Amino acid sequence: RGVYFIMITLAFAQMAYYIASGLSRYGGDDGLTVYKRSDFAGLINLSDRNQFYYLCLACLFGGLYLIWRIVNSRFGLVVQGVRSNEQRMQAIGFHANRYRLVCFVISGTICGLAGALLANNTDFVSPAVMYWTRS
């Protein structure tokens, strides 16, 4: 928790960066060129820039709606309560670590979706985006 959580997150991110930089099979420091875009069972042709744009727009609005629903739900109120006074929320029966873990998973999922869209947009994946100054 606190600074310790930040430091361990940074340490794991740097380990992942150095592992990705060292894998020559996937391009190493030079990165990996994506020759074929993601395929959604033939439903969406991501090679068409218009369809890709509308997919990104739909993901943006879907993500905004999801976040709005989360913030304005009971779950969101509990998370706000944990942020302001964790001990009080635990005293009334909420498990703060569970709610933090769910928030961490939700944020990771949204970031993963953003990374997949970025790779499809640029047709390139570089380990430089995992470096601590850019991530």
Protein backbone atom coordinates (compact mmCIF):
# COMPACT_ATOMS: atom_id res chain seq x y z
CA ARG A 1 0.00 0.00 0.00
CA GLY A 2 1.13 3.56 -0.60
CA VAL A 3 4.70 4.06 -1.73
CA TYR A 4 5.46 0.35 -1.39
CA PHE A 5 2.74 -0.52 -3.91
CA ILE A 6 4.09 2.07 -6.34
CA MET A 7 7.63 0.74 -6.00
CA ILE A 8 6.68 -2.92 -6.47
CA THR A 9 4.54 -2.01 -9.49
CA LEU A 10 7.47 -0.11 -10.97
CA ALA A 11 9.82 -3.03 -10.29
CA PHE A 12 7.54 -5.55 -12.03
CA ALA A 13 7.03 -3.18 -14.97
CA GLN A 14 10.78 -2.80 -15.39
CA MET A 15 11.27 -6.58 -15.23
CA ALA A 16 8.67 -7.02 -17.96
CA TYR A 17 10.37 -4.31 -20.03
CA TYR A 18 13.79 -5.96 -19.81
CA ILE A 19 12.37 -9.39 -20.59
CA ALA A 20 10.55 -8.00 -23.65
CA SER A 21 13.67 -6.13 -24.75
CA GLY A 22 15.74 -9.30 -24.52
CA LEU A 23 13.45 -11.54 -26.58
CA SER A 24 15.09 -11.51 -30.01
CA ARG A 25 12.35 -13.77 -31.38
CA TYR A 26 9.88 -10.89 -31.01
CA GLY A 27 12.19 -8.14 -32.23
CA GLY A 28 13.94 -7.29 -28.97
CA ASP A 29 14.73 -3.57 -28.70
CA ASP A 30 13.61 -2.95 -32.28
CA GLY A 31 10.05 -4.06 -31.61
CA LEU A 32 7.72 -6.21 -33.66
CA THR A 33 5.95 -5.27 -36.85
CA VAL A 34 2.34 -6.43 -37.01
CA TYR A 35 1.69 -7.75 -40.50
CA LYS A 36 -1.92 -8.73 -39.99
CA ARG A 37 -4.44 -6.83 -37.93
CA SER A 38 -6.65 -8.49 -35.35
CA ASP A 39 -9.54 -10.50 -36.68
CA PHE A 40 -12.87 -10.57 -34.87
CA ALA A 41 -14.24 -13.71 -36.53
CA GLY A 42 -14.62 -11.80 -39.78
CA LEU A 43 -17.18 -9.40 -38.31
CA ILE A 44 -15.02 -6.27 -38.47
CA ASN A 45 -12.38 -5.54 -41.07
CA LEU A 46 -9.74 -3.55 -39.18
CA SER A 47 -7.80 -2.92 -42.39
CA ASP A 48 -10.58 -0.51 -43.35
CA ARG A 49 -9.74 2.75 -41.60
CA ASN A 50 -13.39 3.77 -41.25
CA GLN A 51 -14.39 0.55 -39.51
CA PHE A 52 -11.34 0.80 -37.25
CA TYR A 53 -12.24 4.39 -36.38
CA TYR A 54 -15.79 3.44 -35.47
CA LEU A 55 -14.54 0.49 -33.42
CA CYS A 56 -12.25 2.84 -31.46
CA LEU A 57 -15.09 5.32 -31.05
CA ALA A 58 -17.40 2.56 -29.80
CA CYS A 59 -14.71 1.38 -27.36
CA LEU A 60 -14.29 4.95 -26.11
CA PHE A 61 -18.00 5.47 -25.51
CA GLY A 62 -18.35 1.97 -24.05
CA GLY A 63 -15.46 2.60 -21.67
CA LEU A 64 -16.83 5.98 -20.62
CA TYR A 65 -20.27 4.48 -20.02
CA LEU A 66 -18.76 1.61 -18.02
CA ILE A 67 -16.75 3.99 -15.85
CA TRP A 68 -19.77 6.24 -15.34
CA ARG A 69 -21.87 3.23 -14.28
CA ILE A 70 -19.15 2.04 -11.90
CA VAL A 71 -18.69 5.44 -10.27
CA ASN A 72 -22.42 5.91 -9.76
CA SER A 73 -23.08 2.43 -8.37
CA ARG A 74 -22.86 1.03 -4.85
CA PHE A 75 -19.46 -0.39 -5.78
CA GLY A 76 -18.24 3.08 -6.72
CA LEU A 77 -19.48 4.54 -3.46
CA VAL A 78 -17.64 1.84 -1.53
CA VAL A 79 -14.44 2.54 -3.48
CA GLN A 80 -14.77 6.26 -2.72
CA GLY A 81 -15.32 5.41 0.93
CA VAL A 82 -12.25 3.16 0.99
CA ARG A 83 -10.23 5.96 -0.59
CA SER A 84 -11.30 8.50 2.02
CA ASN A 85 -11.29 6.32 5.17
CA GLU A 86 -10.30 2.69 4.83
CA GLN A 87 -10.56 1.82 8.53
CA ARG A 88 -14.12 3.09 8.75
CA MET A 89 -15.19 1.06 5.71
CA GLN A 90 -13.61 -2.08 7.18
CA ALA A 91 -15.37 -1.39 10.48
CA ILE A 92 -18.77 -1.41 8.78
CA GLY A 93 -18.02 -4.68 6.99
CA PHE A 94 -16.45 -3.96 3.60
CA HIS A 95 -13.24 -5.74 2.63
CA ALA A 96 -11.06 -2.94 1.26
CA ASN A 97 -8.49 -5.21 -0.38
CA ARG A 98 -11.14 -6.97 -2.46
CA TYR A 99 -12.45 -3.67 -3.80
CA ARG A 100 -8.95 -2.45 -4.55
CA LEU A 101 -8.16 -5.65 -6.41
CA VAL A 102 -11.30 -5.34 -8.54
CA CYS A 103 -10.40 -1.72 -9.36
CA PHE A 104 -6.89 -2.81 -10.30
CA VAL A 105 -8.25 -5.53 -12.61
CA ILE A 106 -10.72 -3.13 -14.26
CA SER A 107 -7.99 -0.57 -14.91
CA GLY A 108 -5.68 -3.26 -16.29
CA THR A 109 -8.40 -4.51 -18.63
CA ILE A 110 -9.04 -1.02 -19.98
CA CYS A 111 -5.30 -0.47 -20.47
CA GLY A 112 -4.99 -3.81 -22.25
CA LEU A 113 -7.77 -2.86 -24.64
CA ALA A 114 -6.05 0.48 -25.29
CA GLY A 115 -2.77 -1.33 -26.00
CA ALA A 116 -4.44 -3.71 -28.44
CA LEU A 117 -6.04 -0.79 -30.27
CA LEU A 118 -2.70 1.04 -30.36
CA ALA A 119 -0.93 -1.99 -31.84
CA ASN A 120 -3.60 -2.32 -34.52
CA ASN A 121 -3.43 1.40 -35.27
CA THR A 122 0.35 1.66 -35.64
CA ASP A 123 0.97 -1.89 -36.96
CA PHE A 124 3.92 -1.98 -34.59
CA VAL A 125 4.61 -3.09 -31.03
CA SER A 126 7.65 -1.76 -29.25
CA PRO A 127 8.92 -2.60 -25.77
CA ALA A 128 9.70 1.12 -25.39
CA VAL A 129 6.04 1.75 -24.47
CA MET A 130 6.61 -0.38 -21.35
CA TYR A 131 9.51 1.74 -20.13
CA TRP A 132 8.75 3.58 -16.88
CA THR A 133 8.95 7.05 -18.42
CA ARG A 134 6.26 6.24 -20.99
CA SER A 135 3.92 3.84 -19.23
